[in-house]
C-alpha atoms as a PDB file:
ATOM      1  CA  MET A   1      29.255  98.540  19.179  1.00  0.00           C
ATOM      2  CA  ALA A   2      30.339  95.339  21.448  1.00  0.00           C
ATOM      3  CA  LEU A   3      33.636  95.502  22.674  1.00  0.00           C
ATOM      4  CA  GLY A   4      35.744  93.311  23.681  1.00  0.00           C
ATOM      5  CA  SER A   5      38.285  90.314  22.652  1.00  0.00           C
ATOM      6  CA  ARG A   6      37.739  89.492  18.761  1.00  0.00           C
ATOM      7  CA  THR A   7      37.269  86.187  17.196  1.00  0.00           C
ATOM      8  CA  GLU A   8      39.545  84.414  15.223  1.00  0.00           C
ATOM      9  CA  GLY A   9      37.472  85.376  11.994  1.00  0.00           C
ATOM     10  CA  SER A  10      37.422  89.053  12.643  1.00  0.00           C
ATOM     11  CA  ARG A  11      41.253  88.409  13.302  1.00  0.00           C
ATOM     12  CA  ASN A  12      41.410  87.259   9.928  1.00  0.00           C
ATOM     13  CA  THR A  13      39.724  90.531   8.257  1.00  0.00           C
ATOM     14  CA  PHE A  14      41.410  93.305   9.847  1.00  0.00           C
ATOM     15  CA  GLU A  15      45.013  92.275  10.573  1.00  0.00           C
ATOM     16  CA  PRO A  16      46.020  92.000   6.814  1.00  0.00           C
ATOM     17  CA  CYS A  17      44.312  95.430   5.979  1.00  0.00           C
ATOM     18  CA  SER A  18      45.779  97.014   9.051  1.00  0.00           C
ATOM     19  CA  LYS A  19      49.395  95.862   7.184  1.00  0.00           C
ATOM     20  CA  THR A  20      48.118  97.719   4.226  1.00  0.00           C
ATOM     21  CA  SER A  21      49.042  96.629   0.310  1.00  0.00           C
ATOM     22  CA  MET A  22      52.876  97.194   1.429  1.00  0.00           C
ATOM     23  CA  GLN A  23      52.631  93.713   2.372  1.00  0.00           C
ATOM     24  CA  SER A  24      52.325  92.415  -1.500  1.00  0.00           C
ATOM     25  CA  PRO A  25      54.792  90.749  -3.591  1.00  0.00           C
ATOM     26  CA  ASN A  26      54.968  93.798  -5.687  1.00  0.00           C
ATOM     27  CA  GLN A  27      56.170  95.985  -2.910  1.00  0.00           C
ATOM     28  CA  PRO A  28      56.891  99.512  -4.109  1.00  0.00           C
ATOM     29  CA  SER A  29      59.839 100.864  -3.349  1.00  0.00           C
ATOM     30  CA  MET A  30      60.325 103.512  -0.242  1.00  0.00           C
ATOM     31  CA  GLN A  31      60.728 106.625  -2.873  1.00  0.00           C
ATOM     32  CA  SER A  32      57.317 105.986  -4.509  1.00  0.00           C
ATOM     33  CA  SER A  33      55.402 105.093  -1.232  1.00  0.00           C
ATOM     34  CA  ILE A  34      56.463 108.779   0.253  1.00  0.00           C
ATOM     35  CA  LEU A  35      55.584 110.099  -3.581  1.00  0.00           C
ATOM     36  CA  ARG A  36      51.845 108.481  -2.719  1.00  0.00           C
ATOM     37  CA  TYR A  37      51.417 109.205   0.435  1.00  0.00           C
ATOM     38  CA  GLY A  38      52.652 112.859  -0.241  1.00  0.00           C
ATOM     39  CA  LYS A  39      50.491 112.905  -2.945  1.00  0.00           C
ATOM     40  CA  VAL A  40      47.413 111.687  -0.377  1.00  0.00           C
ATOM     41  CA  ILE A  41      48.276 114.261   1.912  1.00  0.00           C
ATOM     42  CA  ARG A  42      48.082 116.906  -0.575  1.00  0.00           C
ATOM     43  CA  GLN A  43      44.251 115.720  -1.672  1.00  0.00           C
ATOM     44  CA  PHE A  44      42.928 115.244   2.223  1.00  0.00           C
ATOM     45  CA  TRP A  45      44.763 119.014   3.386  1.00  0.00           C
ATOM     46  CA  GLY A  46      43.504 120.929  -0.007  1.00  0.00           C
ATOM     47  CA  ALA A  47      40.204 119.785   0.556  1.00  0.00           C
ATOM     48  CA  ALA A  48      40.072 120.956   4.385  1.00  0.00           C
ATOM     49  CA  ILE A  49      41.416 123.976   3.591  1.00  0.00           C
ATOM     50  CA  ALA A  50      38.779 124.123   0.738  1.00  0.00           C
ATOM     51  CA  ALA A  51      36.192 123.319   3.130  1.00  0.00           C
ATOM     52  CA  GLU A  52      37.321 125.623   6.509  1.00  0.00           C
ATOM     53  CA  MET A  53      37.389 128.674   4.032  1.00  0.00           C
ATOM     54  CA  GLU A  54      33.652 128.131   3.398  1.00  0.00           C
ATOM     55  CA  TYR A  55      33.021 129.570   6.746  1.00  0.00           C
ATOM     56  CA  ARG A  56      35.625 132.550   7.017  1.00  0.00           C
ATOM     57  CA  ILE A  57      33.850 134.057   9.915  1.00  0.00           C
ATOM     58  CA  ASN A  58      35.177 130.884  11.620  1.00  0.00           C
ATOM     59  CA  PHE A  59      38.354 131.761  11.393  1.00  0.00           C
ATOM     60  CA  ALA A  60      38.100 135.707  12.599  1.00  0.00           C
ATOM     61  CA  LEU A  61      36.612 134.323  15.561  1.00  0.00           C
ATOM     62  CA  ALA A  62      39.461 131.623  16.109  1.00  0.00           C
ATOM     63  CA  ALA A  63      41.791 134.444  15.567  1.00  0.00           C
ATOM     64  CA  VAL A  64      40.534 136.929  18.064  1.00  0.00           C
ATOM     65  CA  GLY A  65      40.497 133.715  20.448  1.00  0.00           C
ATOM     66  CA  SER A  66      43.996 133.166  19.824  1.00  0.00           C
ATOM     67  CA  LEU A  67      44.711 136.748  20.414  1.00  0.00           C
ATOM     68  CA  GLY A  68      42.897 136.729  23.974  1.00  0.00           C
ATOM     69  CA  ASN A  69      44.673 133.588  24.939  1.00  0.00           C
ATOM     70  CA  PHE A  70      47.941 135.095  23.552  1.00  0.00           C
ATOM     71  CA  ILE A  71      47.583 138.340  25.863  1.00  0.00           C
ATOM     72  CA  GLY A  72      46.563 136.173  28.613  1.00  0.00           C
ATOM     73  CA  SER A  73      49.718 134.105  28.407  1.00  0.00           C
ATOM     74  CA  ILE A  74      52.080 136.926  28.513  1.00  0.00           C
ATOM     75  CA  PHE A  75      50.148 138.536  31.745  1.00  0.00           C
ATOM     76  CA  SER A  76      50.564 135.443  33.339  1.00  0.00           C
ATOM     77  CA  LEU A  77      54.180 134.995  33.271  1.00  0.00           C
ATOM     78  CA  PHE A  78      54.466 139.221  33.302  1.00  0.00           C
ATOM     79  CA  LEU A  79      52.966 138.647  37.023  1.00  0.00           C
ATOM     80  CA  PHE A  80      55.984 136.764  37.999  1.00  0.00           C
ATOM     81  CA  TYR A  81      58.556 139.294  36.897  1.00  0.00           C
ATOM     82  CA  ARG A  82      56.854 142.142  36.997  1.00  0.00           C
ATOM     83  CA  THR A  83      58.631 142.661  40.812  1.00  0.00           C
ATOM     84  CA  GLY A  84      62.084 141.853  39.436  1.00  0.00           C
ATOM     85  CA  TYR A  85      61.716 138.259  40.514  1.00  0.00           C
ATOM     86  CA  GLU A  86      63.141 135.796  37.880  1.00  0.00           C
ATOM     87  CA  PHE A  87      63.140 131.722  37.164  1.00  0.00           C
ATOM     88  CA  GLU A  88      66.596 130.475  38.072  1.00  0.00           C
ATOM     89  CA  GLY A  89      68.826 131.226  34.716  1.00  0.00           C
ATOM     90  CA  TRP A  90      65.962 132.562  32.834  1.00  0.00           C
ATOM     91  CA  SER A  91      65.698 136.502  32.225  1.00  0.00           C
ATOM     92  CA  TRP A  92      62.152 137.591  31.041  1.00  0.00           C
ATOM     93  CA  ASP A  93      63.360 137.748  27.479  1.00  0.00           C
ATOM     94  CA  ALA A  94      64.739 133.949  27.498  1.00  0.00           C
ATOM     95  CA  ALA A  95      61.067 133.119  29.102  1.00  0.00           C
ATOM     96  CA  LEU A  96      59.423 134.592  25.958  1.00  0.00           C
ATOM     97  CA  LEU A  97      61.250 131.979  24.284  1.00  0.00           C
ATOM     98  CA  ILE A  98      59.688 129.102  26.360  1.00  0.00           C
ATOM     99  CA  LEU A  99      55.947 130.786  25.874  1.00  0.00           C
ATOM    100  CA  GLY A 100      56.664 131.078  22.140  1.00  0.00           C
ATOM    101  CA  MET A 101      57.314 127.107  22.190  1.00  0.00           C
ATOM    102  CA  PHE A 102      54.491 126.152  24.078  1.00  0.00           C
ATOM    103  CA  THR A 103      52.335 128.996  21.533  1.00  0.00           C
ATOM    104  CA  LEU A 104      53.901 126.995  18.508  1.00  0.00           C
ATOM    105  CA  LEU A 105      52.938 123.837  20.023  1.00  0.00           C
ATOM    106  CA  GLN A 106      49.462 124.705  20.860  1.00  0.00           C
ATOM    107  CA  GLY A 107      48.825 126.065  17.408  1.00  0.00           C
ATOM    108  CA  PHE A 108      50.299 122.559  16.269  1.00  0.00           C
ATOM    109  CA  SER A 109      47.701 120.842  18.351  1.00  0.00           C
ATOM    110  CA  ALA A 110      44.916 122.845  17.206  1.00  0.00           C
ATOM    111  CA  THR A 111      45.945 122.714  13.549  1.00  0.00           C
ATOM    112  CA  PHE A 112      46.842 118.718  13.422  1.00  0.00           C
ATOM    113  CA  LEU A 113      46.313 116.683  16.285  1.00  0.00           C
ATOM    114  CA  ALA A 114      42.818 118.049  17.548  1.00  0.00           C
ATOM    115  CA  PRO A 115      41.234 117.518  14.455  1.00  0.00           C
ATOM    116  CA  ASN A 116      42.214 114.309  13.770  1.00  0.00           C
ATOM    117  CA  LEU A 117      42.978 112.339  16.728  1.00  0.00           C
ATOM    118  CA  ASN A 118      40.050 113.135  18.707  1.00  0.00           C
ATOM    119  CA  ARG A 119      38.059 111.581  15.961  1.00  0.00           C
ATOM    120  CA  ILE A 120      39.135 108.298  16.839  1.00  0.00           C
ATOM    121  CA  VAL A 121      37.334 107.867  19.733  1.00  0.00           C
ATOM    122  CA  ARG A 122      34.009 108.764  17.157  1.00  0.00           C
ATOM    123  CA  HIS A 123      35.308 106.410  14.600  1.00  0.00           C
ATOM    124  CA  VAL A 124      35.499 103.451  17.240  1.00  0.00           C
ATOM    125  CA  GLU A 125      32.062 104.815  18.638  1.00  0.00           C
ATOM    126  CA  GLN A 126      30.284 104.774  15.280  1.00  0.00           C
ATOM    127  CA  GLY A 127      31.906 101.713  13.619  1.00  0.00           C
ATOM    128  CA  THR A 128      33.512 103.474  10.968  1.00  0.00           C
ATOM    129  CA  LEU A 129      36.863 102.531  11.863  1.00  0.00           C
ATOM    130  CA  ASP A 130      35.712  99.221   9.789  1.00  0.00           C
ATOM    131  CA  PHE A 131      36.038 101.639   6.736  1.00  0.00           C
ATOM    132  CA  VAL A 132      39.259 103.023   7.759  1.00  0.00           C
ATOM    133  CA  LEU A 133      41.293  99.771   8.058  1.00  0.00           C
ATOM    134  CA  LEU A 134      40.268  98.787   4.838  1.00  0.00           C
ATOM    135  CA  LYS A 135      41.626 101.066   3.063  1.00  0.00           C
ATOM    136  CA  PRO A 136      44.840 100.519   0.953  1.00  0.00           C
ATOM    137  CA  ILE A 137      46.846 102.932   3.122  1.00  0.00           C
ATOM    138  CA  SER A 138      48.288 103.019   6.798  1.00  0.00           C
ATOM    139  CA  ALA A 139      44.884 103.212   9.179  1.00  0.00           C
ATOM    140  CA  GLN A 140      47.217 105.164  11.784  1.00  0.00           C
ATOM    141  CA  PHE A 141      48.672 107.586   8.672  1.00  0.00           C
ATOM    142  CA  TRP A 142      45.249 108.112   7.688  1.00  0.00           C
ATOM    143  CA  LEU A 143      43.816 108.726  11.203  1.00  0.00           C
ATOM    144  CA  SER A 144      46.660 111.371  11.917  1.00  0.00           C
ATOM    145  CA  THR A 145      46.485 113.155   8.829  1.00  0.00           C
ATOM    146  CA  ARG A 146      43.027 112.857   7.318  1.00  0.00           C
ATOM    147  CA  THR A 147      41.966 116.481   7.826  1.00  0.00           C
ATOM    148  CA  LEU A 148      43.474 119.818   9.350  1.00  0.00           C
ATOM    149  CA  SER A 149      42.097 123.401  10.586  1.00  0.00           C
ATOM    150  CA  LEU A 150      42.921 126.599  10.136  1.00  0.00           C
ATOM    151  CA  TRP A 151      41.843 127.812  13.373  1.00  0.00           C
ATOM    152  CA  GLY A 152      45.196 126.932  14.948  1.00  0.00           C
ATOM    153  CA  LEU A 153      47.676 129.258  12.590  1.00  0.00           C
ATOM    154  CA  PRO A 154      46.828 132.273  14.602  1.00  0.00           C
ATOM    155  CA  ASP A 155      48.626 130.335  17.667  1.00  0.00           C
ATOM    156  CA  MET A 156      51.667 129.666  15.383  1.00  0.00           C
ATOM    157  CA  MET A 157      52.032 133.127  14.003  1.00  0.00           C
ATOM    158  CA  PHE A 158      51.857 134.494  17.831  1.00  0.00           C
ATOM    159  CA  GLY A 159      54.329 131.777  18.640  1.00  0.00           C
ATOM    160  CA  LEU A 160      56.782 132.622  16.082  1.00  0.00           C
ATOM    161  CA  ILE A 161      56.373 136.212  16.823  1.00  0.00           C
ATOM    162  CA  LEU A 162      57.170 135.672  20.440  1.00  0.00           C
ATOM    163  CA  LEU A 163      60.579 133.942  19.526  1.00  0.00           C
ATOM    164  CA  GLY A 164      61.205 136.584  16.773  1.00  0.00           C
ATOM    165  CA  TYR A 165      60.952 139.435  19.669  1.00  0.00           C
ATOM    166  CA  GLY A 166      62.691 137.060  22.383  1.00  0.00           C
ATOM    167  CA  GLY A 167      65.460 136.151  20.119  1.00  0.00           C
ATOM    168  CA  ARG A 168      66.099 139.561  18.772  1.00  0.00           C
ATOM    169  CA  ARG A 169      66.330 141.117  22.667  1.00  0.00           C
ATOM    170  CA  LEU A 170      68.615 138.571  23.134  1.00  0.00           C
ATOM    171  CA  GLY A 171      70.685 139.054  20.288  1.00  0.00           C
ATOM    172  CA  LEU A 172      70.244 135.676  18.900  1.00  0.00           C
ATOM    173  CA  ALA A 173      71.749 135.066  15.355  1.00  0.00           C
ATOM    174  CA  PRO A 174      69.742 132.988  13.185  1.00  0.00           C
ATOM    175  CA  SER A 175      72.007 129.846  13.533  1.00  0.00           C
ATOM    176  CA  ALA A 176      70.357 130.181  17.310  1.00  0.00           C
ATOM    177  CA  TYR A 177      67.045 129.319  15.926  1.00  0.00           C
ATOM    178  CA  ALA A 178      68.540 126.497  13.333  1.00  0.00           C
ATOM    179  CA  ALA A 179      69.786 124.856  16.720  1.00  0.00           C
ATOM    180  CA  GLY A 180      66.184 125.063  18.049  1.00  0.00           C
ATOM    181  CA  LEU A 181      64.559 123.620  14.491  1.00  0.00           C
ATOM    182  CA  LEU A 182      65.048 119.918  15.236  1.00  0.00           C
ATOM    183  CA  PRO A 183      64.564 120.022  19.049  1.00  0.00           C
ATOM    184  CA  LEU A 184      60.897 121.647  18.131  1.00  0.00           C
ATOM    185  CA  LEU A 185      60.375 118.908  15.441  1.00  0.00           C
ATOM    186  CA  LEU A 186      60.855 116.570  17.971  1.00  0.00           C
ATOM    187  CA  SER A 187      58.513 117.847  20.582  1.00  0.00           C
ATOM    188  CA  PHE A 188      56.194 117.916  17.800  1.00  0.00           C
ATOM    189  CA  MET A 189      56.064 114.035  17.521  1.00  0.00           C
ATOM    190  CA  ILE A 190      56.393 113.480  21.335  1.00  0.00           C
ATOM    191  CA  LEU A 191      53.279 115.088  21.246  1.00  0.00           C
ATOM    192  CA  TYR A 192      51.461 113.596  18.767  1.00  0.00           C
ATOM    193  CA  SER A 193      52.457 110.342  19.855  1.00  0.00           C
ATOM    194  CA  LEU A 194      51.059 110.358  23.250  1.00  0.00           C
ATOM    195  CA  TRP A 195      48.123 112.043  21.825  1.00  0.00           C
ATOM    196  CA  PHE A 196      47.841 109.070  19.719  1.00  0.00           C
ATOM    197  CA  MET A 197      48.343 106.492  22.294  1.00  0.00           C
ATOM    198  CA  LEU A 198      45.483 108.219  24.208  1.00  0.00           C
ATOM    199  CA  GLY A 199      43.142 107.815  21.159  1.00  0.00           C
ATOM    200  CA  ALA A 200      43.982 104.719  20.334  1.00  0.00           C
ATOM    201  CA  THR A 201      42.883 103.406  24.086  1.00  0.00           C
ATOM    202  CA  SER A 202      39.099 104.047  23.064  1.00  0.00           C
ATOM    203  CA  ILE A 203      39.130 100.833  21.517  1.00  0.00           C
ATOM    204  CA  TRP A 204      38.918  99.371  24.949  1.00  0.00           C
ATOM    205  CA  PHE A 205      37.151 102.255  26.848  1.00  0.00           C
ATOM    206  CA  VAL A 206      35.136 104.361  23.881  1.00  0.00           C
ATOM    207  CA  LYS A 207      35.211 107.385  25.574  1.00  0.00           C
ATOM    208  CA  VAL A 208      38.780 108.898  26.253  1.00  0.00           C
ATOM    209  CA  TYR A 209      38.073 112.898  25.721  1.00  0.00           C
ATOM    210  CA  ASN A 210      38.552 113.430  29.414  1.00  0.00           C
ATOM    211  CA  VAL A 211      41.909 111.545  29.189  1.00  0.00           C
ATOM    212  CA  THR A 212      42.787 113.709  26.283  1.00  0.00           C
ATOM    213  CA  GLU A 213      41.834 116.842  28.150  1.00  0.00           C
ATOM    214  CA  VAL A 214      44.152 116.052  30.991  1.00  0.00           C
ATOM    215  CA  LEU A 215      46.909 115.507  28.499  1.00  0.00           C
ATOM    216  CA  ARG A 216      46.522 119.306  27.245  1.00  0.00           C
ATOM    217  CA  GLY A 217      45.963 120.319  31.003  1.00  0.00           C
ATOM    218  CA  LEU A 218      49.698 119.015  31.893  1.00  0.00           C
ATOM    219  CA  VAL A 219      51.149 120.264  28.597  1.00  0.00           C
ATOM    220  CA  GLU A 220      49.897 123.919  30.079  1.00  0.00           C
ATOM    221  CA  ALA A 221      52.477 123.192  32.249  1.00  0.00           C
ATOM    222  CA  GLY A 222      55.177 123.981  29.741  1.00  0.00           C
ATOM    223  CA  ARG A 223      54.350 127.707  29.235  1.00  0.00           C
ATOM    224  CA  PHE A 224      57.174 127.999  32.143  1.00  0.00           C
ATOM    225  CA  PRO A 225      60.406 126.860  32.775  1.00  0.00           C
ATOM    226  CA  ILE A 226      61.184 123.585  33.871  1.00  0.00           C
ATOM    227  CA  VAL A 227      62.989 125.109  36.812  1.00  0.00           C
ATOM    228  CA  ALA A 228      59.671 127.026  37.727  1.00  0.00           C
ATOM    229  CA  TYR A 229      58.316 124.085  39.661  1.00  0.00           C
ATOM    230  CA  PRO A 230      59.645 122.547  42.746  1.00  0.00           C
ATOM    231  CA  LYS A 231      62.518 119.041  42.514  1.00  0.00           C
ATOM    232  CA  SER A 232      59.375 116.426  42.321  1.00  0.00           C
ATOM    233  CA  TYR A 233      57.354 118.234  39.932  1.00  0.00           C
ATOM    234  CA  ARG A 234      60.760 118.658  37.774  1.00  0.00           C
ATOM    235  CA  PHE A 235      60.996 115.022  38.170  1.00  0.00           C
ATOM    236  CA  PHE A 236      57.182 114.218  36.995  1.00  0.00           C
ATOM    237  CA  PHE A 237      57.669 116.709  34.248  1.00  0.00           C
ATOM    238  CA  THR A 238      60.646 115.393  32.695  1.00  0.00           C
ATOM    239  CA  PHE A 239      60.751 111.468  33.241  1.00  0.00           C
ATOM    240  CA  ILE A 240      56.729 110.781  33.493  1.00  0.00           C
ATOM    241  CA  VAL A 241      55.291 113.258  31.072  1.00  0.00           C
ATOM    242  CA  PRO A 242      57.963 114.666  29.523  1.00  0.00           C
ATOM    243  CA  ILE A 243      56.974 118.302  29.169  1.00  0.00           C
ATOM    244  CA  ALA A 244      60.365 119.356  29.667  1.00  0.00           C
ATOM    245  CA  PHE A 245      61.473 118.116  26.347  1.00  0.00           C
ATOM    246  CA  LEU A 246      58.188 120.017  24.542  1.00  0.00           C
ATOM    247  CA  THR A 247      59.045 123.553  25.425  1.00  0.00           C
ATOM    248  CA  THR A 248      62.521 123.801  27.779  1.00  0.00           C
ATOM    249  CA  VAL A 249      64.607 121.845  25.958  1.00  0.00           C
ATOM    250  CA  PRO A 250      64.014 123.643  22.535  1.00  0.00           C
ATOM    251  CA  ALA A 251      64.575 126.605  24.056  1.00  0.00           C
ATOM    252  CA  GLN A 252      67.563 125.831  25.778  1.00  0.00           C
ATOM    253  CA  ALA A 253      69.153 124.810  22.118  1.00  0.00           C
ATOM    254  CA  MET A 254      67.919 128.201  20.683  1.00  0.00           C
ATOM    255  CA  LEU A 255      70.111 129.758  23.567  1.00  0.00           C
ATOM    256  CA  GLY A 256      73.040 127.391  23.295  1.00  0.00           C
ATOM    257  CA  ARG A 257      72.640 125.677  26.877  1.00  0.00           C
ATOM    258  CA  VAL A 258      71.626 122.267  25.767  1.00  0.00           C
ATOM    259  CA  SER A 259      74.258 119.276  26.505  1.00  0.00           C
ATOM    260  CA  THR A 260      74.571 116.685  24.078  1.00  0.00           C
ATOM    261  CA  PRO A 261      72.971 114.328  26.509  1.00  0.00           C
ATOM    262  CA  TRP A 262      69.626 115.909  26.411  1.00  0.00           C
ATOM    263  CA  LEU A 263      69.416 116.300  22.892  1.00  0.00           C
ATOM    264  CA  ALA A 264      70.148 112.963  22.755  1.00  0.00           C
ATOM    265  CA  GLY A 265      67.453 112.023  25.270  1.00  0.00           C
ATOM    266  CA  SER A 266      64.799 113.939  23.186  1.00  0.00           C
ATOM    267  CA  ALA A 267      65.627 112.432  19.729  1.00  0.00           C
ATOM    268  CA  GLY A 268      65.534 108.991  21.361  1.00  0.00           C
ATOM    269  CA  LEU A 269      62.428 109.780  23.506  1.00  0.00           C
ATOM    270  CA  ALA A 270      60.698 110.915  19.968  1.00  0.00           C
ATOM    271  CA  ILE A 271      61.678 108.280  17.996  1.00  0.00           C
ATOM    272  CA  GLY A 272      61.222 105.549  20.890  1.00  0.00           C
ATOM    273  CA  LEU A 273      57.253 107.030  21.350  1.00  0.00           C
ATOM    274  CA  LEU A 274      56.578 106.957  17.579  1.00  0.00           C
ATOM    275  CA  PHE A 275      57.745 103.721  17.220  1.00  0.00           C
ATOM    276  CA  LEU A 276      55.567 102.552  20.659  1.00  0.00           C
ATOM    277  CA  SER A 277      52.496 104.678  19.144  1.00  0.00           C
ATOM    278  CA  ASN A 278      52.391 101.791  15.629  1.00  0.00           C
ATOM    279  CA  ARG A 279      53.214  99.055  18.287  1.00  0.00           C
ATOM    280  CA  PHE A 280      50.629 100.250  20.634  1.00  0.00           C
ATOM    281  CA  TRP A 281      47.981 100.919  17.475  1.00  0.00           C
ATOM    282  CA  ARG A 282      48.549  97.139  16.001  1.00  0.00           C
ATOM    283  CA  PHE A 283      48.003  95.797  19.685  1.00  0.00           C
ATOM    284  CA  ALA A 284      44.798  97.779  20.055  1.00  0.00           C
ATOM    285  CA  LEU A 285      43.348  96.692  17.055  1.00  0.00           C
ATOM    286  CA  ARG A 286      43.808  92.976  18.111  1.00  0.00           C
ATOM    287  CA  PHE A 287      40.826  93.757  19.985  1.00  0.00           C
ATOM    288  CA  TYR A 288      38.880  95.872  18.062  1.00  0.00           C
ATOM    289  CA  THR A 289      35.252  94.450  17.160  1.00  0.00           C
ATOM    290  CA  SER A 290      33.970  95.284  13.604  1.00  0.00           C
ATOM    291  CA  ALA A 291      30.403  97.092  13.733  1.00  0.00           C
ATOM    292  CA  SER A 292      29.836  94.266  10.915  1.00  0.00           C
ATOM    293  CA  SER A 293      30.932  91.179  12.979  1.00  0.00           C
END
């Protein structure tokens, strides 16, 4: 499929579709829109779960693989602490909270992000993005929620186990877990936005699988506290690729160590990246050449 600047005719074909029918004079209320999109998600995920359950052995194998990764992650952290060494301000139990956040994030990626966002490349490559743009719902919503994979659920379960174990050893109250919930949700938003924008670049470059793998590799740095890295790396993982906001800030919130500016920065970054991902998607569609044009 040829890619390049779109003609005026193709722009007129696709731009109204990308804005969806919410632009019509009979614009539905926000509540009815939320209910409609919620119903769509239930249908999407119900069909996806039914399809996944047809291959239960795959889920069992994925659980075994997740267990192996889980044990390997704990062992790699243990190598630092086995001689009594501690990352500055992070005991063994506190570091387990970081690892738990990372494992949850890994499970979230495998369950929701990879099955959907990695397919953007395929839609562009095969021309099926045309059909997505013609649907009467937001194309970004469709591409982001169309399916899910149960294979990431074991990672999410192991992450919760680590958080529960580490929090119990630290004597954390239920309110501490509640304090870490919002920063964790913000970290999901940050990772989603970054991943989606990388997927959207496939409109220009088509094959961007390696770029998304680079992002996943950078996220691996989140398995350790940000203070584990030299100062130059800390700057990079905080202000260039915001890995610190993915795992360290939520763990600090659980421990009651995070300051208001960091929480505000996390919220601002998540909301800003989510908005930017939508604007970037709309901008990228201007350069999308229809398979039928």
